Protein backbone atom coordinates (compact mmCIF):
# COMPACT_ATOMS: atom_id res chain seq x y z
CA MET A 1 -6.83 -34.80 14.92
CA SER A 2 -5.09 -33.21 17.87
CA ALA A 3 -7.07 -31.86 20.79
CA HIS A 4 -4.60 -28.97 20.87
CA ALA A 5 -5.05 -25.88 18.73
CA LEU A 6 -2.49 -25.62 16.00
CA PHE A 7 0.03 -22.79 16.30
CA VAL A 8 -0.20 -20.22 13.50
CA PRO A 9 3.05 -18.25 13.30
CA PRO A 10 2.90 -14.56 12.40
CA ARG A 11 3.56 -13.48 8.82
CA PRO A 12 3.86 -10.20 6.91
CA ALA A 13 0.64 -8.47 5.92
CA THR A 14 -0.79 -9.59 2.58
CA PRO A 15 -2.20 -6.83 0.32
CA ALA A 16 -5.87 -7.28 -0.55
CA ALA A 17 -5.29 -6.36 -4.20
CA PRO A 18 -2.32 -6.41 -6.59
CA LEU A 19 0.16 -3.65 -5.81
CA PRO A 20 0.73 -0.79 -8.27
CA PHE A 21 4.09 -0.94 -10.03
CA PHE A 22 6.14 1.28 -7.73
CA ALA A 23 4.58 -0.22 -4.60
CA PHE A 24 5.41 -3.67 -6.03
CA LEU A 25 9.01 -2.58 -6.57
CA ARG A 26 9.24 -1.17 -3.03
CA ALA A 27 7.92 -4.44 -1.62
CA LEU A 28 10.39 -6.41 -3.73
CA ARG A 29 13.25 -4.40 -2.21
CA ALA A 30 11.97 -4.25 1.37
CA ASN A 31 10.36 -7.67 1.83
CA ALA A 32 9.36 -9.71 -1.21
CA LEU A 33 6.96 -11.79 0.89
CA SER A 34 4.58 -8.83 1.00
CA MET A 35 4.35 -8.31 -2.76
CA TRP A 36 1.80 -11.04 -3.51
CA PRO A 37 -1.93 -10.27 -3.00
CA GLU A 38 -4.49 -12.48 -1.28
CA ALA A 39 -5.59 -13.95 -4.62
CA ALA A 40 -2.10 -15.41 -5.09
CA TYR A 41 -2.84 -17.92 -2.32
CA GLU A 42 -6.08 -19.06 -3.98
CA GLN A 43 -5.57 -18.97 -7.75
CA ASP A 44 -3.51 -21.14 -10.11
CA VAL A 45 -1.88 -18.21 -11.85
CA ILE A 46 -1.55 -14.47 -11.27
CA ARG A 47 -0.68 -12.52 -14.40
CA ARG A 48 0.39 -8.90 -14.46
CA ARG A 49 2.15 -6.48 -16.76
CA LEU A 50 5.51 -5.37 -15.42
CA LEU A 51 6.84 -2.48 -17.48
CA SER A 52 6.73 -3.81 -21.07
CA GLY A 53 6.74 -7.49 -20.15
CA THR A 54 4.55 -10.17 -18.62
CA ASN A 55 5.04 -11.51 -15.11
CA LEU A 56 3.32 -14.72 -14.02
CA LEU A 57 3.11 -16.26 -10.56
CA ILE A 58 2.50 -19.98 -11.14
CA ASN A 59 0.80 -22.13 -8.48
CA ALA A 60 -0.51 -25.00 -10.65
CA PRO A 61 1.70 -28.04 -9.89
CA GLU A 62 1.49 -29.42 -13.44
CA VAL A 63 2.58 -26.11 -14.93
CA ILE A 64 5.43 -25.90 -12.44
CA ARG A 65 6.49 -29.37 -13.54
CA HIS A 66 6.35 -28.28 -17.17
CA ILE A 67 8.55 -25.22 -16.58
CA LEU A 68 11.12 -26.73 -14.22
CA VAL A 69 11.24 -30.34 -15.47
CA ASP A 70 9.61 -31.19 -18.80
CA ASN A 71 10.59 -28.06 -20.74
CA ALA A 72 13.37 -26.72 -18.53
CA GLU A 73 15.62 -25.97 -21.52
CA ASN A 74 13.18 -23.25 -22.58
CA TYR A 75 13.66 -21.28 -19.35
CA ARG A 76 16.69 -19.38 -18.08
CA ARG A 77 17.56 -17.25 -15.09
CA THR A 78 16.63 -13.60 -15.39
CA HIS A 79 19.23 -10.86 -15.83
CA ALA A 80 18.42 -9.54 -12.35
CA SER A 81 19.02 -12.97 -10.79
CA ILE A 82 22.40 -13.28 -12.50
CA ARG A 83 23.68 -9.84 -11.53
CA ILE A 84 22.57 -10.33 -7.90
CA LEU A 85 23.87 -13.90 -7.41
CA HIS A 86 27.12 -13.78 -9.38
CA PRO A 87 29.07 -11.68 -6.83
CA ILE A 88 28.63 -14.39 -4.17
CA THR A 89 28.62 -17.61 -6.24
CA GLY A 90 30.80 -16.78 -9.22
CA ASN A 91 30.29 -19.24 -12.06
CA GLY A 92 29.48 -22.15 -9.76
CA LEU A 93 26.70 -24.69 -10.10
CA LEU A 94 23.97 -22.19 -9.22
CA LEU A 95 24.54 -19.91 -12.23
CA SER A 96 26.39 -21.97 -14.81
CA THR A 97 24.50 -23.06 -17.91
CA GLY A 98 24.74 -25.48 -20.81
CA GLU A 99 27.70 -27.85 -20.98
CA ALA A 100 29.54 -25.98 -18.18
CA TRP A 101 26.62 -26.72 -15.84
CA ARG A 102 26.37 -30.36 -16.96
CA HIS A 103 30.13 -30.82 -16.34
CA GLN A 104 29.86 -29.29 -12.86
CA ARG A 105 26.77 -31.28 -11.94
CA ARG A 106 28.25 -34.61 -13.09
CA THR A 107 31.48 -33.90 -11.21
CA ILE A 108 29.93 -32.72 -7.94
CA ALA A 109 27.10 -35.26 -7.59
CA PRO A 110 29.25 -38.25 -6.48
CA ALA A 111 30.81 -36.19 -3.66
CA LEU A 112 27.37 -35.56 -2.19
CA ALA A 113 25.93 -39.03 -2.81
CA PRO A 114 24.24 -40.81 0.14
CA ARG A 115 27.21 -43.18 0.50
CA MET A 116 29.34 -40.18 1.54
CA LEU A 117 27.03 -39.21 4.41
CA PRO A 118 28.92 -41.16 7.14
CA LEU A 119 32.09 -39.16 6.32
CA LEU A 120 30.22 -35.85 6.47
CA THR A 121 28.06 -36.81 9.46
CA ARG A 122 31.16 -36.92 11.65
CA HIS A 123 31.71 -33.23 10.98
CA ILE A 124 28.05 -32.43 11.65
CA VAL A 125 28.11 -34.15 15.04
CA THR A 126 31.45 -32.66 16.11
CA ALA A 127 30.28 -29.11 15.35
CA THR A 128 26.89 -29.66 17.01
CA GLU A 129 28.50 -31.00 20.17
CA ALA A 130 30.73 -27.91 20.36
CA THR A 131 27.72 -25.61 19.98
CA ILE A 132 25.79 -27.46 22.69
CA ALA A 133 28.78 -27.13 25.03
CA ASP A 134 28.83 -23.37 24.40
CA LEU A 135 25.08 -23.06 24.97
CA ARG A 136 25.33 -24.95 28.26
CA THR A 137 27.25 -21.98 29.64
CA LEU A 138 24.26 -19.73 28.90
CA ILE A 139 21.56 -21.59 30.82
CA ASP A 140 18.81 -19.28 32.13
CA GLN A 141 20.28 -16.30 30.31
CA PRO A 142 18.94 -14.51 27.22
CA VAL A 143 20.40 -16.32 24.19
CA ASP A 144 20.63 -15.20 20.58
CA LEU A 145 19.79 -18.48 18.83
CA LEU A 146 19.94 -16.88 15.40
CA ALA A 147 23.63 -16.08 15.90
CA ALA A 148 24.19 -19.49 17.48
CA MET A 149 22.64 -21.31 14.50
CA GLN A 150 24.60 -19.18 12.06
CA SER A 151 27.81 -20.08 13.88
CA LEU A 152 26.82 -23.75 14.02
CA ALA A 153 25.96 -23.95 10.33
CA LEU A 154 29.17 -22.14 9.42
CA ASP A 155 31.20 -24.48 11.61
CA ILE A 156 29.54 -27.50 9.98
CA ALA A 157 30.28 -26.03 6.55
CA GLY A 158 33.91 -25.39 7.48
CA ARG A 159 34.48 -28.82 8.98
CA SER A 160 32.61 -30.65 6.21
CA MET A 161 34.28 -28.68 3.45
CA PHE A 162 37.81 -28.25 4.85
CA SER A 163 38.12 -30.27 8.11
CA LEU A 164 38.79 -26.88 9.69
CA GLU A 165 37.15 -25.15 12.58
CA THR A 166 35.83 -21.83 11.30
CA ARG A 167 36.42 -19.73 14.39
CA HIS A 168 39.29 -17.96 12.61
CA TYR A 169 37.28 -17.40 9.42
CA GLY A 170 33.79 -17.20 10.89
CA ALA A 171 33.80 -13.47 11.64
CA PRO A 172 34.96 -12.32 8.18
CA ILE A 173 32.60 -14.76 6.43
CA ARG A 174 29.62 -13.58 8.50
CA ALA A 175 30.59 -9.93 7.93
CA MET A 176 30.79 -10.42 4.18
CA LEU A 177 27.50 -12.33 4.01
CA THR A 178 25.85 -9.52 5.96
CA GLU A 179 27.36 -6.99 3.56
CA TYR A 180 26.15 -9.03 0.60
CA ALA A 181 22.53 -8.71 1.77
CA GLY A 182 22.75 -5.01 0.90
CA HIS A 183 24.00 -5.80 -2.61
CA ALA A 184 21.20 -8.35 -3.10
CA ARG A 185 18.29 -5.90 -2.96
CA PRO A 186 17.23 -5.37 -6.60
CA THR A 187 16.77 -1.93 -8.12
CA LEU A 188 14.70 -0.93 -11.13
CA LEU A 189 17.81 -0.83 -13.31
CA ASP A 190 18.79 -4.33 -12.13
CA ILE A 191 15.49 -5.53 -13.58
CA LEU A 192 15.57 -3.47 -16.77
CA LEU A 193 19.18 -3.87 -17.92
CA PRO A 194 20.59 -7.06 -19.45
CA ALA A 195 23.31 -8.72 -17.39
CA SER A 196 25.92 -7.67 -19.96
CA ILE A 197 25.33 -3.96 -19.22
CA MET A 198 26.51 -2.68 -15.86
CA ALA A 199 23.95 -1.17 -13.53
CA PRO A 200 25.13 1.52 -11.08
CA ARG A 201 25.24 -0.91 -8.15
CA ASP A 202 27.27 -3.44 -10.10
CA LEU A 203 30.50 -1.57 -9.32
CA GLY A 204 30.03 -2.25 -5.62
CA ARG A 205 29.05 -5.84 -6.37
CA ARG A 206 32.23 -6.38 -8.39
CA ARG A 207 34.39 -5.01 -5.57
CA PHE A 208 32.58 -7.32 -3.17
CA HIS A 209 33.11 -10.27 -5.54
CA ARG A 210 36.88 -9.72 -5.61
CA ARG A 211 37.15 -9.53 -1.81
CA TRP A 212 34.83 -12.52 -1.27
CA MET A 213 36.71 -14.78 -3.69
CA ALA A 214 40.02 -13.68 -2.15
CA LEU A 215 38.69 -14.85 1.24
CA ILE A 216 37.65 -18.22 -0.21
CA ASP A 217 41.10 -18.51 -1.83
CA SER A 218 42.81 -17.89 1.51
CA ILE A 219 40.76 -20.64 3.18
CA MET A 220 41.61 -23.03 0.33
CA GLN A 221 45.32 -22.23 0.71
CA THR A 222 45.16 -22.97 4.44
CA ARG A 223 43.50 -26.30 3.72
CA MET A 224 45.96 -27.26 0.96
CA ALA A 225 48.85 -26.64 3.38
CA ALA A 226 47.60 -29.52 5.56
CA PRO A 227 49.42 -32.87 5.11
CA ALA A 228 47.85 -35.20 2.57
CA THR A 229 46.02 -38.35 3.71
CA GLU A 230 45.29 -41.62 1.96
CA THR A 231 41.52 -41.39 2.45
CA PRO A 232 39.22 -38.37 1.93
CA ARG A 233 38.65 -36.23 5.02
CA ASP A 234 36.06 -33.80 3.71
CA LEU A 235 34.30 -32.32 0.68
CA PHE A 236 37.46 -30.49 -0.35
CA ASP A 237 39.30 -33.78 -0.75
CA LEU A 238 36.33 -35.27 -2.60
CA LEU A 239 35.98 -32.31 -4.96
CA ARG A 240 39.72 -32.07 -5.66
CA ALA A 241 39.74 -35.74 -6.58
CA ALA A 242 36.46 -35.63 -8.52
CA ARG A 243 36.47 -36.23 -12.24
CA ASP A 244 33.70 -35.73 -14.75
CA PRO A 245 32.51 -39.33 -15.40
CA GLU A 246 32.06 -38.57 -19.11
CA THR A 247 35.18 -36.53 -19.91
CA GLY A 248 37.56 -37.35 -17.05
CA THR A 249 38.09 -33.61 -16.51
CA ALA A 250 38.84 -32.28 -13.03
CA PHE A 251 37.88 -28.87 -11.66
CA SER A 252 40.31 -26.04 -12.30
CA HIS A 253 41.32 -23.90 -9.32
CA ASP A 254 38.79 -21.19 -10.23
CA GLU A 255 36.01 -23.75 -10.78
CA LEU A 256 36.73 -25.37 -7.43
CA ARG A 257 36.76 -21.97 -5.71
CA ASP A 258 33.40 -21.03 -7.26
CA GLN A 259 31.85 -24.36 -6.19
CA ILE A 260 33.05 -23.81 -2.63
CA ALA A 261 31.70 -20.24 -2.58
CA THR A 262 28.33 -21.54 -3.82
CA MET A 263 28.24 -24.31 -1.22
CA ILE A 264 29.08 -21.95 1.64
CA LEU A 265 26.19 -19.68 0.67
CA ALA A 266 23.69 -22.42 -0.16
CA GLY A 267 24.74 -24.83 2.58
CA HIS A 268 25.46 -22.52 5.48
CA GLU A 269 22.95 -19.71 5.10
CA THR A 270 19.92 -21.89 4.32
CA THR A 271 20.64 -24.41 7.09
CA ALA A 272 21.13 -21.66 9.66
CA VAL A 273 17.76 -20.05 8.97
CA ALA A 274 16.00 -23.44 8.78
CA LEU A 275 17.31 -24.37 12.25
CA PHE A 276 16.42 -20.94 13.64
CA TRP A 277 12.84 -21.15 12.35
CA ALA A 278 12.48 -24.73 13.62
CA LEU A 279 13.57 -23.70 17.12
CA THR A 280 11.26 -20.67 17.00
CA LEU A 281 8.32 -22.90 16.09
CA LEU A 282 9.20 -25.46 18.77
CA ALA A 283 9.36 -22.72 21.39
CA ALA A 284 5.71 -21.98 20.56
CA ALA A 285 4.72 -25.67 20.35
CA PRO A 286 5.97 -27.40 23.54
CA ASP A 287 4.17 -30.67 22.71
CA ALA A 288 6.16 -30.99 19.49
CA GLN A 289 9.35 -30.01 21.34
CA HIS A 290 8.73 -32.70 23.95
CA ARG A 291 8.03 -35.29 21.28
CA ILE A 292 11.42 -34.68 19.63
CA ALA A 293 13.14 -34.95 23.01
CA VAL A 294 11.46 -38.30 23.65
CA GLU A 295 12.24 -39.55 20.16
CA ALA A 296 15.92 -38.67 20.43
CA ALA A 297 16.45 -39.47 24.12
CA ASP A 298 17.85 -42.99 23.81
CA LEU A 299 19.48 -42.71 20.40
CA ASP A 300 23.22 -42.80 19.87
CA LEU A 301 23.89 -39.50 18.10
CA SER A 302 27.66 -39.82 18.33
CA ALA A 303 29.89 -39.26 15.33
CA GLU A 304 30.25 -43.02 14.84
CA HIS A 305 26.54 -43.89 14.92
CA ALA A 306 24.51 -40.79 14.03
CA THR A 307 23.98 -41.91 10.44
CA GLU A 308 22.32 -45.13 11.64
CA ALA A 309 20.12 -43.11 14.03
CA LEU A 310 18.60 -40.97 11.26
CA PRO A 311 15.76 -43.39 10.33
CA GLN A 312 14.71 -43.38 14.00
CA LEU A 313 13.99 -39.63 13.93
CA PRO A 314 10.77 -39.48 11.85
CA PHE A 315 9.08 -36.79 13.94
CA THR A 316 12.22 -34.63 14.05
CA ARG A 317 12.40 -34.91 10.28
CA ALA A 318 8.68 -34.05 10.03
CA VAL A 319 9.19 -30.90 12.12
CA LEU A 320 12.04 -29.88 9.85
CA SER A 321 9.97 -30.58 6.71
CA GLU A 322 7.10 -28.51 8.08
CA THR A 323 9.54 -25.72 8.94
CA LEU A 324 10.77 -25.74 5.35
CA ARG A 325 7.16 -25.54 4.18
CA LEU A 326 6.37 -22.50 6.31
CA TYR A 327 9.77 -20.82 5.86
CA PRO A 328 11.31 -22.05 2.60
CA PRO A 329 14.88 -20.68 2.50
CA ALA A 330 14.59 -20.11 -1.25
CA PHE A 331 11.31 -18.21 -1.23
CA VAL A 332 11.01 -17.80 -5.01
CA ILE A 333 12.26 -19.51 -8.18
CA VAL A 334 12.35 -17.20 -11.19
CA ARG A 335 12.71 -18.20 -14.83
CA GLN A 336 12.36 -16.32 -18.12
CA ALA A 337 10.82 -17.95 -21.19
CA ILE A 338 13.25 -18.16 -24.13
CA ALA A 339 10.40 -19.00 -26.54
CA ALA A 340 6.63 -18.76 -26.21
CA ASP A 341 5.14 -21.71 -24.36
CA GLN A 342 1.78 -23.08 -23.26
CA CYS A 343 0.68 -25.59 -20.61
CA ASP A 344 -2.76 -26.48 -19.23
CA GLY A 345 -4.34 -23.49 -20.94
CA ILE A 346 -1.78 -21.03 -19.55
CA ASP A 347 -0.02 -19.03 -22.26
CA ILE A 348 3.55 -17.97 -21.47
CA PRO A 349 4.79 -15.37 -23.97
CA ARG A 350 8.39 -15.21 -25.15
CA GLY A 351 10.40 -13.22 -22.62
CA ALA A 352 7.77 -13.59 -19.88
CA VAL A 353 9.04 -13.97 -16.32
CA ALA A 354 7.57 -17.03 -14.60
CA MET A 355 7.76 -17.03 -10.81
CA MET A 356 7.25 -20.17 -8.73
CA ALA A 357 7.22 -18.96 -5.14
CA PRO A 358 7.54 -21.72 -2.51
CA TRP A 359 6.44 -19.12 0.06
CA VAL A 360 3.08 -18.84 -1.74
CA LEU A 361 2.90 -22.41 -3.04
CA HIS A 362 3.46 -23.91 0.41
CA ARG A 363 0.59 -21.82 1.84
CA HIS A 364 -1.83 -22.18 -1.07
CA HIS A 365 -5.40 -22.79 0.04
CA LYS A 366 -6.09 -25.33 -2.72
CA LEU A 367 -3.07 -27.46 -1.89
CA TRP A 368 -2.86 -27.52 1.91
CA ARG A 369 -5.26 -27.86 4.80
CA ASP A 370 -4.70 -25.16 7.46
CA PRO A 371 -1.94 -23.78 5.24
CA ASP A 372 -0.67 -21.17 7.72
CA ALA A 373 -0.56 -23.54 10.72
CA PHE A 374 2.43 -25.43 12.09
CA ASP A 375 1.45 -29.08 11.68
CA PRO A 376 4.37 -31.56 11.52
CA SER A 377 2.00 -34.53 11.15
CA ARG A 378 1.66 -33.64 7.46
CA PHE A 379 5.11 -35.17 6.94
CA LEU A 380 5.00 -38.26 9.14
CA PRO A 381 5.66 -41.54 7.30
CA ASP A 382 2.00 -42.67 7.44
CA ALA A 383 0.61 -39.33 6.21
CA PRO A 384 -0.43 -38.88 2.58
CA PRO A 385 2.40 -37.16 0.70
CA PRO A 386 1.97 -33.53 -0.40
CA PRO A 387 0.75 -33.01 -3.97
CA ARG A 388 3.56 -33.45 -6.49
CA PHE A 389 5.32 -30.15 -7.26
CA ALA A 390 3.44 -28.37 -4.46
CA TYR A 391 6.36 -28.69 -2.03
CA LEU A 392 9.67 -27.33 -3.33
CA PRO A 393 12.05 -26.48 -0.45
CA PHE A 394 15.01 -27.57 -2.61
CA GLY A 395 13.59 -26.84 -6.05
CA THR A 396 12.95 -29.64 -8.54
CA GLY A 397 13.99 -30.92 -11.94
CA PRO A 398 17.53 -30.76 -13.33
CA ARG A 399 18.32 -27.81 -11.05
CA VAL A 400 17.18 -29.46 -7.82
CA CYS A 401 19.63 -28.75 -4.99
CA VAL A 402 22.47 -31.28 -5.26
CA GLY A 403 23.14 -30.99 -1.51
CA ALA A 404 19.56 -31.53 -0.33
CA GLN A 405 20.27 -34.88 1.36
CA PHE A 406 23.27 -33.49 3.21
CA ALA A 407 21.28 -30.42 4.32
CA LEU A 408 18.41 -32.55 5.65
CA THR A 409 20.83 -34.83 7.49
CA GLU A 410 22.65 -31.87 9.00
CA ALA A 411 19.52 -30.08 10.18
CA THR A 412 17.78 -33.24 11.47
CA LEU A 413 20.73 -34.34 13.61
CA ALA A 414 21.37 -30.84 14.94
CA LEU A 415 17.70 -30.27 15.79
CA ALA A 416 17.43 -33.62 17.59
CA ALA A 417 20.59 -33.03 19.63
CA LEU A 418 19.63 -29.47 20.59
CA THR A 419 16.05 -30.34 21.54
CA ARG A 420 16.90 -33.36 23.66
CA THR A 421 19.45 -31.26 25.56
CA PHE A 422 17.47 -28.05 26.17
CA HIS A 423 14.00 -26.82 26.93
CA ILE A 424 13.67 -23.95 24.46
CA ALA A 425 11.48 -20.92 25.22
CA ARG A 426 11.13 -17.38 23.97
CA GLU A 427 12.29 -14.64 26.30
CA ASP A 428 9.66 -12.19 25.01
CA ALA A 429 6.45 -12.26 22.98
CA THR A 430 7.46 -9.87 20.20
CA PRO A 431 6.41 -11.46 16.89
CA VAL A 432 9.25 -12.58 14.64
CA LEU A 433 8.34 -11.87 11.03
CA PRO A 434 10.06 -13.41 8.02
CA VAL A 435 11.81 -11.08 5.59
CA ALA A 436 12.87 -12.24 2.13
CA ILE A 437 16.15 -10.86 0.84
CA VAL A 438 18.33 -13.70 -0.42
CA THR A 439 16.86 -16.26 1.95
CA THR A 440 13.87 -16.15 4.32
CA GLN A 441 15.39 -14.34 7.30
CA PRO A 442 13.81 -13.16 10.58
CA ASP A 443 13.21 -9.42 10.88
CA HIS A 444 15.14 -9.41 14.16
CA ALA A 445 17.06 -11.80 16.40
CA PRO A 446 14.75 -12.49 19.36
CA PRO A 447 16.16 -13.59 22.72
CA PHE A 448 15.52 -17.17 23.85
CA ARG A 449 15.95 -18.83 27.22
CA LEU A 450 17.36 -22.34 27.55
CA ARG A 451 17.04 -24.80 30.42
CA LEU A 452 18.74 -28.17 30.63
CA ARG A 453 16.28 -30.95 29.95
CA SER A 454 16.22 -33.92 32.30
CA MET A 455 15.73 -37.32 30.68
CA PRO A 456 12.24 -37.06 29.19
CA ASP A 457 9.58 -39.53 30.14
CA THR A 458 8.52 -42.13 27.59
CA GLN A 459 5.00 -40.85 27.09
CA GLN A 460 4.83 -39.16 23.73
CA SER A 461 2.53 -36.30 22.90
CA GLY A 462 -0.47 -36.90 20.69
CA ASP A 463 -0.71 -36.30 16.98
CA GLN A 464 0.10 -32.75 15.98
CA GLY A 465 -3.01 -32.08 13.96
CA PRO A 466 -4.58 -32.76 10.59
CA HIS A 467 -2.79 -33.76 7.42
CA PRO A 468 -2.79 -31.76 4.20
């Protein structure tokens, strides 16, 4: 156990008792992280009536496994989820169902297999080096690291997907993603109406969808105008060449566009906030920051050798894993029961909405020691693993994130390179609170101050605290 006190980051207030219906709805729209009461972090299941239906928050790992893995065919996305996500993802992997989903999954998976990481790692390193060069010009000045990480993640997405720098497209993509956050706040009618019936806000969402897909089309056209090469350069080449291993079918233009739109949202937005939260935590935990700098100091993180360096970054990876525990980008997984179900004594009526909230699950008092504290040692190689189905930063089961390995590689290499280059500190002490809209975002962009780090000494900091 560390002699240092563990850092406990600030979080939104938790209501002492379940919220009344309209207060629950207001919390869902304003910040969903504040809608769960204190009992949610201590009990296996929280059941409540929501209008004429049943809503369950599930924290029991075996029941989560049953819903998301063993009996996944009995559970579908809710109407509200579909109407909110479709404008940004189209009919890509995130929302497709049945045979369309199986075709997409089979076709995409080989492009994101571990053997493709060296190809994609080159793009990660090139974009990270460019960001570090930009940040070097801001030494000892207030720096907006949220914007910097958003630009970095978008540049990685652009280079990995299209072999293109995104400086030309970055501003319109960021503007549209910011606009989309307004469309993503659910209303009462979004919850009540089936997806086939338009809610009042769906008109704006449809207009957004047309403009967003037109932007993705324009980027694809730019990329297709580039001269062909004999070997794949990026995910676009891999996905254009991909064939369903069972049917031999390729993606149509619209299918390819929808996959790219889904990957830009899932890959760029989630990585950006994960890196921001990791840097925010490291600014408050200088021992952990120093330990990453020492770990990465002598490693070759160049485009040619970064993939081989990954296994030598166990503490950096542990910091990232702990960041994803405290600030899971996907803060809730929602499914609706097609037929009545039962598991471990928990009855799930037909039509009931089952919520598995990584935000709650990752802080549950039964499953984690010091659940609100920043403790990377939980995820070191010699630590006992977290309970099965108690840690879901990328989901689980058939719908587990197909790009999880790429996302972890991207964030680990970027975090190591940034931390070994800069001392990272907060410019002020104003608490940064997480807000859940589509992903777990900060409530404001705090200023940071960077200093160039001299070559760190070889003495590593002690253990970062107790294990789960």
